[in-house]
N, C-alpha and C. Protein backbone atom coordinates (compact mmCIF):
# COMPACT_ATOMS: atom_id res chain seq x y z
N MET A 1 6.12 53.46 -7.34
CA MET A 1 5.98 52.21 -6.62
C MET A 1 4.81 51.39 -7.17
N ILE A 2 3.72 52.03 -7.49
CA ILE A 2 2.58 51.33 -8.07
C ILE A 2 2.96 50.75 -9.42
N ASP A 3 3.81 51.47 -10.21
CA ASP A 3 4.26 50.95 -11.51
C ASP A 3 5.07 49.66 -11.34
N LYS A 4 5.93 49.62 -10.30
CA LYS A 4 6.72 48.41 -10.06
C LYS A 4 5.82 47.23 -9.69
N ILE A 5 4.85 47.50 -8.87
CA ILE A 5 3.90 46.45 -8.48
C ILE A 5 3.13 45.98 -9.71
N HIS A 6 2.73 46.92 -10.53
CA HIS A 6 1.99 46.60 -11.75
C HIS A 6 2.85 45.75 -12.70
N GLN A 7 4.12 46.10 -12.86
CA GLN A 7 5.04 45.34 -13.71
C GLN A 7 5.23 43.92 -13.18
N LYS A 8 5.42 43.82 -11.86
CA LYS A 8 5.60 42.49 -11.26
C LYS A 8 4.33 41.64 -11.44
N PHE A 9 3.20 42.28 -11.25
CA PHE A 9 1.93 41.58 -11.44
C PHE A 9 1.78 41.10 -12.89
N ASN A 10 2.11 41.95 -13.86
CA ASN A 10 2.03 41.57 -15.27
C ASN A 10 2.98 40.41 -15.59
N ARG A 11 4.19 40.47 -15.06
CA ARG A 11 5.14 39.37 -15.27
C ARG A 11 4.60 38.07 -14.69
N PHE A 12 4.01 38.18 -13.50
CA PHE A 12 3.43 37.01 -12.86
C PHE A 12 2.29 36.43 -13.71
N ILE A 13 1.44 37.28 -14.24
CA ILE A 13 0.33 36.84 -15.09
C ILE A 13 0.87 36.17 -16.35
N TYR A 14 1.89 36.77 -16.99
CA TYR A 14 2.49 36.17 -18.18
C TYR A 14 3.10 34.80 -17.86
N PHE A 15 3.73 34.72 -16.69
CA PHE A 15 4.30 33.46 -16.25
C PHE A 15 3.21 32.40 -16.08
N LEU A 16 2.10 32.78 -15.44
CA LEU A 16 0.99 31.84 -15.26
C LEU A 16 0.40 31.41 -16.60
N ILE A 17 0.28 32.33 -17.52
CA ILE A 17 -0.24 32.00 -18.85
C ILE A 17 0.70 31.03 -19.55
N LEU A 18 2.00 31.28 -19.45
CA LEU A 18 2.98 30.39 -20.06
C LEU A 18 2.87 28.98 -19.48
N ILE A 19 2.79 28.88 -18.17
CA ILE A 19 2.65 27.57 -17.51
C ILE A 19 1.36 26.89 -17.97
N ALA A 20 0.27 27.64 -18.03
CA ALA A 20 -1.01 27.07 -18.47
C ALA A 20 -0.92 26.56 -19.90
N LEU A 21 -0.26 27.29 -20.77
CA LEU A 21 -0.10 26.85 -22.16
C LEU A 21 0.73 25.58 -22.25
N LEU A 22 1.81 25.53 -21.49
CA LEU A 22 2.66 24.33 -21.49
C LEU A 22 1.89 23.12 -20.97
N LEU A 23 1.15 23.31 -19.90
CA LEU A 23 0.37 22.20 -19.34
C LEU A 23 -0.73 21.76 -20.29
N SER A 24 -1.38 22.70 -20.94
CA SER A 24 -2.46 22.33 -21.87
C SER A 24 -1.89 21.59 -23.07
N ASN A 25 -0.70 21.95 -23.51
CA ASN A 25 -0.06 21.24 -24.63
C ASN A 25 0.23 19.80 -24.23
N GLN A 26 0.75 19.59 -23.01
CA GLN A 26 1.01 18.24 -22.54
C GLN A 26 -0.29 17.46 -22.39
N SER A 27 -1.33 18.11 -21.88
CA SER A 27 -2.64 17.46 -21.72
C SER A 27 -3.19 17.07 -23.08
N ALA A 28 -3.00 17.93 -24.06
CA ALA A 28 -3.49 17.63 -25.41
C ALA A 28 -2.78 16.40 -25.96
N LYS A 29 -1.48 16.29 -25.70
CA LYS A 29 -0.75 15.11 -26.18
C LYS A 29 -1.27 13.84 -25.52
N VAL A 30 -1.53 13.92 -24.22
CA VAL A 30 -2.04 12.75 -23.50
C VAL A 30 -3.43 12.40 -24.02
N LEU A 31 -4.31 13.38 -24.14
CA LEU A 31 -5.65 13.12 -24.65
C LEU A 31 -5.59 12.57 -26.06
N TYR A 32 -4.71 13.12 -26.88
CA TYR A 32 -4.56 12.66 -28.26
C TYR A 32 -4.21 11.18 -28.27
N ALA A 33 -3.28 10.79 -27.42
CA ALA A 33 -2.89 9.38 -27.36
C ALA A 33 -4.00 8.53 -26.76
N GLU A 34 -4.71 9.04 -25.75
CA GLU A 34 -5.76 8.26 -25.12
C GLU A 34 -6.95 8.04 -26.06
N ASN A 35 -7.15 8.91 -27.01
CA ASN A 35 -8.26 8.77 -27.95
C ASN A 35 -7.89 7.88 -29.13
N GLY A 36 -6.85 7.06 -28.98
CA GLY A 36 -6.47 6.13 -30.02
C GLY A 36 -5.60 6.73 -31.10
N LYS A 37 -5.12 7.91 -30.87
CA LYS A 37 -4.25 8.55 -31.85
C LYS A 37 -2.86 8.68 -31.24
N SER A 38 -1.88 8.20 -31.96
CA SER A 38 -0.52 8.27 -31.48
C SER A 38 0.09 9.60 -31.88
N ALA A 39 0.58 10.34 -30.89
CA ALA A 39 1.21 11.63 -31.17
C ALA A 39 2.48 11.43 -32.00
N SER A 40 3.08 10.24 -31.93
CA SER A 40 4.31 9.98 -32.66
C SER A 40 4.06 9.24 -33.98
N PHE A 41 2.82 9.10 -34.38
CA PHE A 41 2.50 8.33 -35.59
C PHE A 41 3.28 8.78 -36.83
N PRO A 42 3.35 10.07 -37.15
CA PRO A 42 4.09 10.45 -38.36
C PRO A 42 5.55 10.02 -38.33
N SER A 43 6.23 10.22 -37.21
CA SER A 43 7.64 9.82 -37.16
C SER A 43 7.79 8.30 -37.11
N ASP A 44 6.87 7.62 -36.43
CA ASP A 44 6.91 6.15 -36.42
C ASP A 44 6.71 5.60 -37.82
N LEU A 45 5.81 6.20 -38.57
CA LEU A 45 5.55 5.74 -39.93
C LEU A 45 6.78 5.94 -40.81
N GLU A 46 7.47 7.05 -40.63
CA GLU A 46 8.69 7.28 -41.40
C GLU A 46 9.75 6.24 -41.09
N LEU A 47 9.84 5.84 -39.82
CA LEU A 47 10.77 4.77 -39.44
C LEU A 47 10.42 3.46 -40.14
N LEU A 48 9.14 3.15 -40.17
CA LEU A 48 8.69 1.92 -40.83
C LEU A 48 8.98 1.98 -42.32
N PHE A 49 8.73 3.13 -42.93
CA PHE A 49 9.02 3.29 -44.36
C PHE A 49 10.52 3.17 -44.63
N THR A 50 11.34 3.68 -43.73
CA THR A 50 12.79 3.56 -43.89
C THR A 50 13.21 2.10 -43.87
N LYS A 51 12.59 1.33 -42.99
CA LYS A 51 12.89 -0.10 -42.90
C LYS A 51 12.48 -0.81 -44.19
N LEU A 52 11.31 -0.47 -44.72
CA LEU A 52 10.84 -1.08 -45.96
C LEU A 52 11.75 -0.70 -47.12
N GLU A 53 12.14 0.56 -47.17
CA GLU A 53 12.98 1.02 -48.27
C GLU A 53 14.35 0.35 -48.25
N ALA A 54 14.85 0.01 -47.06
CA ALA A 54 16.15 -0.64 -46.93
C ALA A 54 16.09 -2.13 -47.25
N CYS A 55 14.90 -2.67 -47.30
CA CYS A 55 14.71 -4.09 -47.57
C CYS A 55 15.14 -4.42 -49.00
N GLN A 56 15.86 -5.48 -49.14
CA GLN A 56 16.24 -5.97 -50.47
C GLN A 56 15.11 -6.86 -50.98
N CYS A 57 13.99 -6.21 -51.31
CA CYS A 57 12.80 -6.97 -51.67
C CYS A 57 11.96 -6.21 -52.67
N SER A 58 10.93 -6.88 -53.14
CA SER A 58 9.93 -6.26 -54.00
C SER A 58 8.60 -6.31 -53.28
N PHE A 59 7.74 -5.39 -53.62
CA PHE A 59 6.43 -5.32 -53.02
C PHE A 59 5.44 -5.77 -54.08
N ILE A 60 4.65 -6.80 -53.78
CA ILE A 60 3.70 -7.35 -54.74
C ILE A 60 2.32 -6.81 -54.41
N ARG A 61 1.76 -6.10 -55.39
CA ARG A 61 0.43 -5.52 -55.22
C ARG A 61 -0.39 -5.86 -56.45
N ASN A 62 -1.50 -6.54 -56.24
CA ASN A 62 -2.39 -6.97 -57.33
C ASN A 62 -1.63 -7.76 -58.39
N GLY A 63 -0.68 -8.58 -57.94
CA GLY A 63 0.07 -9.44 -58.84
C GLY A 63 1.25 -8.76 -59.52
N SER A 64 1.40 -7.46 -59.36
CA SER A 64 2.51 -6.74 -60.00
C SER A 64 3.59 -6.43 -58.99
N GLU A 65 4.83 -6.51 -59.46
CA GLU A 65 5.98 -6.27 -58.60
C GLU A 65 6.33 -4.77 -58.61
N HIS A 66 6.57 -4.25 -57.42
CA HIS A 66 6.91 -2.83 -57.27
C HIS A 66 8.11 -2.70 -56.35
N SER A 67 8.87 -1.63 -56.55
CA SER A 67 9.99 -1.36 -55.66
C SER A 67 9.45 -0.89 -54.31
N PRO A 68 10.26 -1.00 -53.26
CA PRO A 68 9.81 -0.47 -51.97
C PRO A 68 9.42 1.01 -52.06
N LYS A 69 10.15 1.77 -52.84
CA LYS A 69 9.83 3.20 -53.00
C LYS A 69 8.44 3.40 -53.61
N GLU A 70 8.13 2.60 -54.62
CA GLU A 70 6.79 2.68 -55.24
C GLU A 70 5.71 2.25 -54.25
N ALA A 71 6.02 1.23 -53.46
CA ALA A 71 5.06 0.75 -52.46
C ALA A 71 4.78 1.85 -51.43
N ILE A 72 5.82 2.52 -51.01
CA ILE A 72 5.67 3.59 -50.03
C ILE A 72 4.83 4.72 -50.60
N GLU A 73 5.09 5.09 -51.85
CA GLU A 73 4.30 6.14 -52.50
C GLU A 73 2.82 5.74 -52.54
N HIS A 74 2.56 4.48 -52.88
CA HIS A 74 1.18 3.99 -52.94
C HIS A 74 0.52 4.04 -51.57
N MET A 75 1.25 3.60 -50.54
CA MET A 75 0.68 3.59 -49.20
C MET A 75 0.46 5.01 -48.69
N ARG A 76 1.34 5.93 -49.05
CA ARG A 76 1.14 7.34 -48.68
C ARG A 76 -0.15 7.87 -49.31
N LEU A 77 -0.39 7.49 -50.55
CA LEU A 77 -1.61 7.93 -51.23
C LEU A 77 -2.84 7.35 -50.54
N LYS A 78 -2.80 6.05 -50.21
CA LYS A 78 -3.92 5.44 -49.50
C LYS A 78 -4.14 6.10 -48.15
N LEU A 79 -3.06 6.41 -47.46
CA LEU A 79 -3.16 7.06 -46.16
C LEU A 79 -3.79 8.45 -46.31
N LYS A 80 -3.36 9.17 -47.31
CA LYS A 80 -3.92 10.51 -47.57
C LYS A 80 -5.42 10.40 -47.86
N ASN A 81 -5.79 9.41 -48.63
CA ASN A 81 -7.19 9.22 -48.99
C ASN A 81 -8.05 8.69 -47.84
N SER A 82 -7.41 8.29 -46.75
CA SER A 82 -8.16 7.78 -45.60
C SER A 82 -8.80 8.92 -44.81
N GLY A 83 -8.48 10.14 -45.15
CA GLY A 83 -9.11 11.28 -44.49
C GLY A 83 -8.71 11.46 -43.04
N GLY A 84 -7.51 11.03 -42.67
CA GLY A 84 -7.05 11.22 -41.30
C GLY A 84 -7.56 10.20 -40.30
N ARG A 85 -8.26 9.18 -40.79
CA ARG A 85 -8.81 8.17 -39.87
C ARG A 85 -7.74 7.23 -39.34
N ILE A 86 -6.63 7.10 -40.02
CA ILE A 86 -5.55 6.20 -39.61
C ILE A 86 -4.53 7.01 -38.82
N GLN A 87 -4.36 6.67 -37.54
CA GLN A 87 -3.48 7.45 -36.67
C GLN A 87 -2.54 6.60 -35.82
N THR A 88 -2.49 5.29 -36.07
CA THR A 88 -1.57 4.43 -35.32
C THR A 88 -0.92 3.45 -36.29
N ILE A 89 0.22 2.94 -35.91
CA ILE A 89 0.91 1.95 -36.76
C ILE A 89 0.08 0.68 -36.92
N PRO A 90 -0.52 0.12 -35.86
CA PRO A 90 -1.35 -1.07 -36.07
C PRO A 90 -2.49 -0.82 -37.07
N ASN A 91 -3.15 0.32 -36.95
CA ASN A 91 -4.22 0.63 -37.90
C ASN A 91 -3.69 0.85 -39.30
N PHE A 92 -2.53 1.47 -39.40
CA PHE A 92 -1.92 1.66 -40.71
C PHE A 92 -1.67 0.31 -41.39
N ILE A 93 -1.08 -0.60 -40.63
CA ILE A 93 -0.79 -1.93 -41.20
C ILE A 93 -2.08 -2.65 -41.56
N GLN A 94 -3.06 -2.61 -40.67
CA GLN A 94 -4.32 -3.33 -40.91
C GLN A 94 -5.10 -2.76 -42.08
N TYR A 95 -5.22 -1.45 -42.18
CA TYR A 95 -6.12 -0.86 -43.17
C TYR A 95 -5.44 -0.33 -44.44
N ILE A 96 -4.14 -0.09 -44.37
CA ILE A 96 -3.44 0.48 -45.52
C ILE A 96 -2.48 -0.53 -46.15
N ALA A 97 -1.73 -1.26 -45.32
CA ALA A 97 -0.63 -2.08 -45.82
C ALA A 97 -0.94 -3.57 -45.92
N THR A 98 -2.19 -3.97 -45.79
CA THR A 98 -2.54 -5.39 -45.79
C THR A 98 -2.99 -5.89 -47.16
N LYS A 99 -3.88 -5.12 -47.79
CA LYS A 99 -4.43 -5.61 -49.05
C LYS A 99 -4.95 -4.45 -49.89
N SER A 100 -5.21 -4.75 -51.14
CA SER A 100 -5.77 -3.77 -52.05
C SER A 100 -7.22 -3.50 -51.66
N SER A 101 -7.55 -2.22 -51.57
CA SER A 101 -8.94 -1.89 -51.25
C SER A 101 -9.85 -2.08 -52.45
N PHE A 102 -9.28 -2.21 -53.65
CA PHE A 102 -10.09 -2.43 -54.86
C PHE A 102 -10.30 -3.91 -55.14
N THR A 103 -9.21 -4.68 -55.14
CA THR A 103 -9.33 -6.09 -55.52
C THR A 103 -9.43 -7.03 -54.32
N GLY A 104 -8.96 -6.56 -53.16
CA GLY A 104 -8.95 -7.42 -51.98
C GLY A 104 -7.74 -8.34 -51.93
N TYR A 105 -6.87 -8.28 -52.96
CA TYR A 105 -5.67 -9.12 -52.96
C TYR A 105 -4.72 -8.67 -51.87
N THR A 106 -4.15 -9.66 -51.18
CA THR A 106 -3.20 -9.39 -50.11
C THR A 106 -1.88 -8.88 -50.69
N TYR A 107 -1.33 -7.85 -50.04
CA TYR A 107 0.00 -7.37 -50.43
C TYR A 107 1.03 -8.37 -49.93
N LYS A 108 2.07 -8.56 -50.75
CA LYS A 108 3.14 -9.50 -50.38
C LYS A 108 4.49 -8.83 -50.56
N ILE A 109 5.46 -9.44 -49.92
CA ILE A 109 6.85 -9.01 -50.08
C ILE A 109 7.61 -10.19 -50.66
N ARG A 110 8.36 -9.91 -51.73
CA ARG A 110 9.16 -10.95 -52.38
C ARG A 110 10.64 -10.61 -52.16
N PHE A 111 11.35 -11.55 -51.57
CA PHE A 111 12.77 -11.35 -51.29
C PHE A 111 13.61 -11.79 -52.49
N LYS A 112 14.89 -11.48 -52.44
CA LYS A 112 15.79 -11.82 -53.55
C LYS A 112 15.83 -13.32 -53.84
N ASN A 113 15.62 -14.15 -52.82
CA ASN A 113 15.63 -15.60 -53.02
C ASN A 113 14.29 -16.11 -53.56
N ARG A 114 13.38 -15.16 -53.93
CA ARG A 114 12.06 -15.40 -54.52
C ARG A 114 11.03 -15.87 -53.49
N GLU A 115 11.41 -15.96 -52.23
CA GLU A 115 10.43 -16.29 -51.18
C GLU A 115 9.45 -15.12 -51.06
N GLU A 116 8.17 -15.47 -50.92
CA GLU A 116 7.13 -14.45 -50.75
C GLU A 116 6.43 -14.66 -49.41
N ILE A 117 6.17 -13.55 -48.74
CA ILE A 117 5.39 -13.58 -47.51
C ILE A 117 4.40 -12.43 -47.56
N GLU A 118 3.37 -12.50 -46.73
CA GLU A 118 2.41 -11.41 -46.66
C GLU A 118 3.08 -10.18 -46.07
N ALA A 119 2.74 -9.03 -46.61
CA ALA A 119 3.38 -7.79 -46.18
C ALA A 119 3.01 -7.39 -44.76
N ALA A 120 1.75 -7.55 -44.39
CA ALA A 120 1.29 -7.06 -43.08
C ALA A 120 2.07 -7.69 -41.91
N PRO A 121 2.20 -9.02 -41.84
CA PRO A 121 2.96 -9.59 -40.71
C PRO A 121 4.43 -9.16 -40.72
N TRP A 122 4.99 -9.02 -41.92
CA TRP A 122 6.38 -8.58 -42.02
C TRP A 122 6.52 -7.15 -41.47
N LEU A 123 5.62 -6.27 -41.88
CA LEU A 123 5.66 -4.88 -41.39
C LEU A 123 5.40 -4.83 -39.88
N MET A 124 4.49 -5.68 -39.40
CA MET A 124 4.20 -5.73 -37.97
C MET A 124 5.45 -6.14 -37.18
N GLU A 125 6.16 -7.13 -37.67
CA GLU A 125 7.38 -7.57 -37.00
C GLU A 125 8.44 -6.47 -36.99
N ARG A 126 8.60 -5.78 -38.11
CA ARG A 126 9.56 -4.67 -38.17
C ARG A 126 9.17 -3.57 -37.19
N ALA A 127 7.88 -3.26 -37.11
CA ALA A 127 7.40 -2.22 -36.19
C ALA A 127 7.65 -2.64 -34.74
N LYS A 128 7.43 -3.91 -34.44
CA LYS A 128 7.69 -4.40 -33.08
C LYS A 128 9.18 -4.34 -32.76
N GLU A 129 10.03 -4.71 -33.72
CA GLU A 129 11.47 -4.64 -33.52
C GLU A 129 11.91 -3.22 -33.18
N MET A 130 11.27 -2.24 -33.82
CA MET A 130 11.64 -0.83 -33.62
C MET A 130 10.86 -0.20 -32.47
N ASN A 131 10.03 -1.00 -31.81
CA ASN A 131 9.21 -0.55 -30.70
C ASN A 131 8.27 0.60 -31.09
N ILE A 132 7.69 0.50 -32.27
CA ILE A 132 6.72 1.52 -32.73
C ILE A 132 5.34 0.91 -32.96
N TYR A 133 5.17 -0.35 -32.62
CA TYR A 133 3.87 -1.01 -32.78
C TYR A 133 3.08 -0.79 -31.51
N ARG A 134 2.42 0.37 -31.43
CA ARG A 134 1.66 0.70 -30.21
C ARG A 134 0.38 1.41 -30.57
């Protein structure tokens, strides 16, 4: 009888530990978001990159034309070099996708009709359309 009580007690303790772990994981997600870091940033960024890659456009960086794929590779490198400081789509657009950190030249997008616009507002609009600008 004591063994059965002991087993039930152990199951109860394991259950409480499981609940505590689940709650702490949810709390961590909330705190992560409250500290200016979006828990969904990696997946949101992939959505934004997918939108850029689907664009029938060129990415202008320092006066040179690049494919969307090349632009994404470059932005991934800049993001990696940021040391984890960029954790939201607005910050990504402001600090990574706006201009060259070496020359200060604004990144642009050139469409097939040769119209050029600044990349940051275009990316911001795409992010807002996809409801990931948060």
